[in-house]
PDB file of N, CA and C in Angstrom:
ATOM      1  N   MET A   1     -20.906 -11.517 -29.176  1.00  0.00           N
ATOM      2  CA  MET A   1     -20.154 -12.060 -30.120  1.00  0.00           C
ATOM      3  C   MET A   1     -18.810 -11.562 -30.357  1.00  0.00           C
ATOM      4  N   TYR A   2     -17.651 -11.898 -30.951  1.00  0.00           N
ATOM      5  CA  TYR A   2     -16.719 -11.464 -31.152  1.00  0.00           C
ATOM      6  C   TYR A   2     -16.081 -11.843 -32.368  1.00  0.00           C
ATOM      7  N   ARG A   3     -15.321 -10.939 -32.802  1.00  0.00           N
ATOM      8  CA  ARG A   3     -14.211 -10.873 -34.060  1.00  0.00           C
ATOM      9  C   ARG A   3     -12.826 -11.103 -33.895  1.00  0.00           C
ATOM     10  N   VAL A   4     -12.130 -12.180 -34.182  1.00  0.00           N
ATOM     11  CA  VAL A   4     -10.775 -11.770 -34.307  1.00  0.00           C
ATOM     12  C   VAL A   4      -9.993 -11.668 -35.516  1.00  0.00           C
ATOM     13  N   PHE A   5      -9.084 -10.572 -35.598  1.00  0.00           N
ATOM     14  CA  PHE A   5      -8.550 -10.093 -36.926  1.00  0.00           C
ATOM     15  C   PHE A   5      -7.468  -9.791 -36.659  1.00  0.00           C
ATOM     16  N   THR A   6      -6.683  -9.257 -37.684  1.00  0.00           N
ATOM     17  CA  THR A   6      -5.212  -9.155 -37.759  1.00  0.00           C
ATOM     18  C   THR A   6      -5.271  -7.601 -38.186  1.00  0.00           C
ATOM     19  N   ARG A   7      -4.427  -6.802 -37.902  1.00  0.00           N
ATOM     20  CA  ARG A   7      -3.680  -5.672 -38.292  1.00  0.00           C
ATOM     21  C   ARG A   7      -2.399  -5.211 -38.182  1.00  0.00           C
ATOM     22  N   THR A   8      -1.700  -4.371 -39.223  1.00  0.00           N
ATOM     23  CA  THR A   8      -0.284  -3.730 -38.674  1.00  0.00           C
ATOM     24  C   THR A   8      -0.772  -2.657 -37.846  1.00  0.00           C
ATOM     25  N   TRP A   9       0.536  -2.144 -37.283  1.00  0.00           N
ATOM     26  CA  TRP A   9       0.258  -0.850 -36.259  1.00  0.00           C
ATOM     27  C   TRP A   9       1.633   0.182 -36.749  1.00  0.00           C
ATOM     28  N   TRP A  10       1.968  -0.255 -38.226  1.00  0.00           N
ATOM     29  CA  TRP A  10       3.114   0.653 -38.556  1.00  0.00           C
ATOM     30  C   TRP A  10       2.884   0.801 -39.820  1.00  0.00           C
ATOM     31  N   ARG A  11       3.460   1.905 -40.619  1.00  0.00           N
ATOM     32  CA  ARG A  11       3.857   2.117 -42.337  1.00  0.00           C
ATOM     33  C   ARG A  11       5.192   2.292 -42.414  1.00  0.00           C
ATOM     34  N   ASN A  12       5.392   1.517 -43.340  1.00  0.00           N
ATOM     35  CA  ASN A  12       7.116   2.421 -44.086  1.00  0.00           C
ATOM     36  C   ASN A  12       6.931   4.043 -44.273  1.00  0.00           C
ATOM     37  N   ASN A  13       7.835   4.705 -43.733  1.00  0.00           N
ATOM     38  CA  ASN A  13       7.995   6.240 -44.362  1.00  0.00           C
ATOM     39  C   ASN A  13       9.072   6.497 -43.940  1.00  0.00           C
ATOM     40  N   LYS A  14       9.587   6.976 -44.944  1.00  0.00           N
ATOM     41  CA  LYS A  14      11.502   7.241 -44.457  1.00  0.00           C
ATOM     42  C   LYS A  14      11.462   8.409 -43.766  1.00  0.00           C
ATOM     43  N   ASP A  15      10.633   9.122 -43.703  1.00  0.00           N
ATOM     44  CA  ASP A  15      10.806  10.094 -43.023  1.00  0.00           C
ATOM     45  C   ASP A  15      10.521  10.170 -41.541  1.00  0.00           C
ATOM     46  N   TYR A  16      10.109   9.135 -41.200  1.00  0.00           N
ATOM     47  CA  TYR A  16       9.936   9.035 -39.658  1.00  0.00           C
ATOM     48  C   TYR A  16      11.205   8.288 -39.211  1.00  0.00           C
ATOM     49  N   PRO A  17      11.653   8.447 -37.933  1.00  0.00           N
ATOM     50  CA  PRO A  17      12.611   7.778 -37.004  1.00  0.00           C
ATOM     51  C   PRO A  17      12.323   6.213 -37.453  1.00  0.00           C
ATOM     52  N   ASN A  18      13.295   5.606 -37.639  1.00  0.00           N
ATOM     53  CA  ASN A  18      13.536   4.332 -37.993  1.00  0.00           C
ATOM     54  C   ASN A  18      12.776   3.916 -39.252  1.00  0.00           C
ATOM     55  N   GLY A  19      12.050   5.038 -39.933  1.00  0.00           N
ATOM     56  CA  GLY A  19      11.591   4.628 -41.390  1.00  0.00           C
ATOM     57  C   GLY A  19      10.247   4.008 -40.936  1.00  0.00           C
ATOM     58  N   LEU A  20       9.590   4.170 -39.794  1.00  0.00           N
ATOM     59  CA  LEU A  20       8.148   3.493 -39.475  1.00  0.00           C
ATOM     60  C   LEU A  20       7.098   4.653 -38.864  1.00  0.00           C
ATOM     61  N   GLU A  21       6.027   4.913 -39.635  1.00  0.00           N
ATOM     62  CA  GLU A  21       5.252   5.792 -39.191  1.00  0.00           C
ATOM     63  C   GLU A  21       3.778   5.140 -38.289  1.00  0.00           C
ATOM     64  N   PRO A  22       3.657   5.675 -37.227  1.00  0.00           N
ATOM     65  CA  PRO A  22       2.375   4.863 -36.578  1.00  0.00           C
ATOM     66  C   PRO A  22       1.166   4.975 -37.693  1.00  0.00           C
ATOM     67  N   CYS A  23       0.590   3.668 -37.745  1.00  0.00           N
ATOM     68  CA  CYS A  23      -0.458   3.727 -38.492  1.00  0.00           C
ATOM     69  C   CYS A  23      -1.371   2.315 -38.392  1.00  0.00           C
ATOM     70  N   ALA A  24      -2.251   2.173 -37.691  1.00  0.00           N
ATOM     71  CA  ALA A  24      -3.282   1.177 -37.459  1.00  0.00           C
ATOM     72  C   ALA A  24      -3.866   0.946 -38.916  1.00  0.00           C
ATOM     73  N   GLY A  25      -3.268  -0.517 -39.509  1.00  0.00           N
ATOM     74  CA  GLY A  25      -3.634  -0.699 -40.657  1.00  0.00           C
ATOM     75  C   GLY A  25      -5.385  -1.346 -40.481  1.00  0.00           C
ATOM     76  N   ARG A  26      -5.630  -1.604 -41.832  1.00  0.00           N
ATOM     77  CA  ARG A  26      -6.720  -2.160 -42.560  1.00  0.00           C
ATOM     78  C   ARG A  26      -6.920  -3.760 -41.474  1.00  0.00           C
ATOM     79  N   LYS A  27      -8.018  -4.106 -40.670  1.00  0.00           N
ATOM     80  CA  LYS A  27      -8.490  -5.257 -40.410  1.00  0.00           C
ATOM     81  C   LYS A  27      -8.771  -6.094 -41.375  1.00  0.00           C
ATOM     82  N   THR A  28      -8.240  -7.542 -40.692  1.00  0.00           N
ATOM     83  CA  THR A  28      -8.180  -8.761 -41.926  1.00  0.00           C
ATOM     84  C   THR A  28      -8.474  -9.585 -40.742  1.00  0.00           C
ATOM     85  N   THR A  29      -9.891 -10.225 -41.038  1.00  0.00           N
ATOM     86  CA  THR A  29     -10.511 -11.157 -40.051  1.00  0.00           C
ATOM     87  C   THR A  29     -10.226 -12.642 -40.440  1.00  0.00           C
ATOM     88  N   ILE A  30      -9.726 -13.356 -39.055  1.00  0.00           N
ATOM     89  CA  ILE A  30      -9.604 -14.745 -39.004  1.00  0.00           C
ATOM     90  C   ILE A  30     -10.497 -15.583 -38.529  1.00  0.00           C
ATOM     91  N   ARG A  31     -11.559 -15.036 -37.978  1.00  0.00           N
ATOM     92  CA  ARG A  31     -12.617 -15.699 -37.491  1.00  0.00           C
ATOM     93  C   ARG A  31     -13.756 -14.975 -36.696  1.00  0.00           C
ATOM     94  N   LYS A  32     -14.952 -14.782 -37.041  1.00  0.00           N
ATOM     95  CA  LYS A  32     -16.019 -14.341 -36.562  1.00  0.00           C
ATOM     96  C   LYS A  32     -16.891 -15.346 -36.062  1.00  0.00           C
ATOM     97  N   GLY A  33     -18.000 -14.602 -35.368  1.00  0.00           N
ATOM     98  CA  GLY A  33     -19.201 -15.514 -34.203  1.00  0.00           C
ATOM     99  C   GLY A  33     -18.583 -16.420 -33.281  1.00  0.00           C
ATOM    100  N   ILE A  34     -17.760 -15.817 -32.772  1.00  0.00           N
ATOM    101  CA  ILE A  34     -16.827 -16.535 -31.362  1.00  0.00           C
ATOM    102  C   ILE A  34     -17.839 -16.054 -30.492  1.00  0.00           C
ATOM    103  N   LYS A  35     -18.368 -16.868 -29.568  1.00  0.00           N
ATOM    104  CA  LYS A  35     -19.294 -16.406 -28.334  1.00  0.00           C
ATOM    105  C   LYS A  35     -18.799 -15.944 -27.310  1.00  0.00           C
ATOM    106  N   THR A  36     -17.446 -16.041 -26.895  1.00  0.00           N
ATOM    107  CA  THR A  36     -16.628 -15.941 -25.715  1.00  0.00           C
ATOM    108  C   THR A  36     -15.796 -14.821 -25.637  1.00  0.00           C
ATOM    109  N   GLU A  37     -15.438 -13.876 -24.899  1.00  0.00           N
ATOM    110  CA  GLU A  37     -14.208 -13.268 -24.842  1.00  0.00           C
ATOM    111  C   GLU A  37     -13.095 -14.316 -24.608  1.00  0.00           C
ATOM    112  N   GLU A  38     -13.389 -15.207 -23.622  1.00  0.00           N
ATOM    113  CA  GLU A  38     -11.965 -15.886 -22.996  1.00  0.00           C
ATOM    114  C   GLU A  38     -11.556 -16.910 -24.657  1.00  0.00           C
ATOM    115  N   GLU A  39     -12.779 -17.200 -25.563  1.00  0.00           N
ATOM    116  CA  GLU A  39     -12.228 -17.981 -26.979  1.00  0.00           C
ATOM    117  C   GLU A  39     -11.314 -17.188 -27.575  1.00  0.00           C
ATOM    118  N   ALA A  40     -12.241 -15.850 -27.668  1.00  0.00           N
ATOM    119  CA  ALA A  40     -11.224 -14.862 -28.614  1.00  0.00           C
ATOM    120  C   ALA A  40      -9.900 -14.572 -27.864  1.00  0.00           C
ATOM    121  N   ARG A  41      -9.728 -14.265 -27.037  1.00  0.00           N
ATOM    122  CA  ARG A  41      -8.562 -13.930 -26.191  1.00  0.00           C
ATOM    123  C   ARG A  41      -7.245 -15.145 -26.628  1.00  0.00           C
ATOM    124  N   SER A  42      -7.939 -16.314 -26.378  1.00  0.00           N
ATOM    125  CA  SER A  42      -6.997 -17.466 -26.741  1.00  0.00           C
ATOM    126  C   SER A  42      -6.434 -17.852 -27.926  1.00  0.00           C
ATOM    127  N   ILE A  43      -7.322 -17.278 -29.107  1.00  0.00           N
ATOM    128  CA  ILE A  43      -7.173 -17.560 -30.659  1.00  0.00           C
ATOM    129  C   ILE A  43      -5.889 -16.430 -30.819  1.00  0.00           C
ATOM    130  N   CYS A  44      -6.210 -14.990 -30.167  1.00  0.00           N
ATOM    131  CA  CYS A  44      -5.125 -14.192 -30.771  1.00  0.00           C
ATOM    132  C   CYS A  44      -3.946 -14.909 -29.826  1.00  0.00           C
ATOM    133  N   LYS A  45      -3.912 -15.180 -28.557  1.00  0.00           N
ATOM    134  CA  LYS A  45      -2.793 -15.461 -28.084  1.00  0.00           C
ATOM    135  C   LYS A  45      -1.885 -16.566 -28.660  1.00  0.00           C
ATOM    136  N   VAL A  46      -2.764 -17.742 -29.320  1.00  0.00           N
ATOM    137  CA  VAL A  46      -2.155 -18.468 -29.966  1.00  0.00           C
ATOM    138  C   VAL A  46      -1.591 -18.179 -31.516  1.00  0.00           C
ATOM    139  N   TYR A  47      -2.326 -17.468 -32.140  1.00  0.00           N
ATOM    140  CA  TYR A  47      -1.755 -16.597 -33.781  1.00  0.00           C
ATOM    141  C   TYR A  47      -0.597 -15.782 -33.012  1.00  0.00           C
ATOM    142  N   ASN A  48      -0.663 -14.932 -31.986  1.00  0.00           N
ATOM    143  CA  ASN A  48       0.443 -14.056 -31.778  1.00  0.00           C
ATOM    144  C   ASN A  48       1.782 -14.850 -31.171  1.00  0.00           C
ATOM    145  N   ALA A  49       1.590 -16.136 -30.784  1.00  0.00           N
ATOM    146  CA  ALA A  49       2.792 -16.786 -30.323  1.00  0.00           C
ATOM    147  C   ALA A  49       3.339 -17.526 -31.590  1.00  0.00           C
ATOM    148  N   CYS A  50       2.686 -18.031 -32.591  1.00  0.00           N
ATOM    149  CA  CYS A  50       2.850 -18.439 -34.166  1.00  0.00           C
ATOM    150  C   CYS A  50       3.175 -17.867 -34.964  1.00  0.00           C
ATOM    151  N   HIS A  51       3.119 -16.490 -35.160  1.00  0.00           N
ATOM    152  CA  HIS A  51       3.604 -15.714 -36.271  1.00  0.00           C
ATOM    153  C   HIS A  51       4.322 -14.823 -35.768  1.00  0.00           C
ATOM    154  N   ASP A  52       5.309 -14.646 -36.374  1.00  0.00           N
ATOM    155  CA  ASP A  52       6.215 -13.240 -36.280  1.00  0.00           C
ATOM    156  C   ASP A  52       5.647 -11.904 -36.673  1.00  0.00           C
ATOM    157  N   PRO A  53       5.653 -10.847 -35.997  1.00  0.00           N
ATOM    158  CA  PRO A  53       4.626  -9.497 -36.009  1.00  0.00           C
ATOM    159  C   PRO A  53       5.650  -8.959 -37.185  1.00  0.00           C
ATOM    160  N   GLY A  54       6.874  -9.205 -37.384  1.00  0.00           N
ATOM    161  CA  GLY A  54       7.436  -8.603 -38.653  1.00  0.00           C
ATOM    162  C   GLY A  54       7.811  -6.980 -38.318  1.00  0.00           C
ATOM    163  N   ARG A  55       8.187  -6.411 -39.225  1.00  0.00           N
ATOM    164  CA  ARG A  55       8.820  -5.134 -38.999  1.00  0.00           C
ATOM    165  C   ARG A  55       7.849  -4.148 -38.917  1.00  0.00           C
ATOM    166  N   LEU A  56       6.378  -4.578 -39.519  1.00  0.00           N
ATOM    167  CA  LEU A  56       5.209  -3.381 -39.234  1.00  0.00           C
ATOM    168  C   LEU A  56       4.251  -3.789 -38.008  1.00  0.00           C
ATOM    169  N   SER A  57       4.837  -4.954 -37.526  1.00  0.00           N
ATOM    170  CA  SER A  57       3.935  -5.162 -36.108  1.00  0.00           C
ATOM    171  C   SER A  57       2.462  -6.071 -36.370  1.00  0.00           C
ATOM    172  N   ARG A  58       2.462  -6.915 -36.986  1.00  0.00           N
ATOM    173  CA  ARG A  58       1.101  -7.598 -37.561  1.00  0.00           C
ATOM    174  C   ARG A  58       0.847  -8.454 -36.320  1.00  0.00           C
ATOM    175  N   LYS A  59      -0.502  -8.123 -35.868  1.00  0.00           N
ATOM    176  CA  LYS A  59      -0.720  -8.900 -34.618  1.00  0.00           C
ATOM    177  C   LYS A  59      -2.086  -9.388 -34.603  1.00  0.00           C
ATOM    178  N   ALA A  60      -2.618 -10.144 -33.881  1.00  0.00           N
ATOM    179  CA  ALA A  60      -4.225 -10.710 -34.093  1.00  0.00           C
ATOM    180  C   ALA A  60      -4.699  -9.660 -32.547  1.00  0.00           C
ATOM    181  N   GLU A  61      -5.716  -9.529 -33.163  1.00  0.00           N
ATOM    182  CA  GLU A  61      -6.836  -8.383 -31.736  1.00  0.00           C
ATOM    183  C   GLU A  61      -8.092  -9.201 -31.668  1.00  0.00           C
ATOM    184  N   TYR A  62      -9.359  -8.851 -30.861  1.00  0.00           N
ATOM    185  CA  TYR A  62     -10.382  -9.187 -30.800  1.00  0.00           C
ATOM    186  C   TYR A  62     -11.404  -7.775 -30.772  1.00  0.00           C
ATOM    187  N   GLU A  63     -12.514  -7.817 -31.255  1.00  0.00           N
ATOM    188  CA  GLU A  63     -13.666  -6.647 -30.741  1.00  0.00           C
ATOM    189  C   GLU A  63     -14.913  -7.330 -30.696  1.00  0.00           C
ATOM    190  N   GLU A  64     -15.557  -6.834 -29.787  1.00  0.00           N
ATOM    191  CA  GLU A  64     -17.294  -7.346 -29.625  1.00  0.00           C
ATOM    192  C   GLU A  64     -17.774  -6.831 -31.005  1.00  0.00           C
ATOM    193  N   THR A  65     -18.638  -8.045 -31.449  1.00  0.00           N
ATOM    194  CA  THR A  65     -19.359  -7.450 -32.668  1.00  0.00           C
ATOM    195  C   THR A  65     -21.258  -7.493 -31.924  1.00  0.00           C
TER     196      THR A  65
END
């Protein structure tokens, strides 16, 4: 089983170059109980194509549960 979630990869910090500090953010679940890795990958691909990651680079990912 797989879980698809989003999280950011940066946080604002004026003391870092470009004002961004590397930081893996909290995971926010989009969907869980997905049976195949292919389906989880597809959900991530669609989400990332339809959503602007913004300054903090919020993207969909998946993990095995």
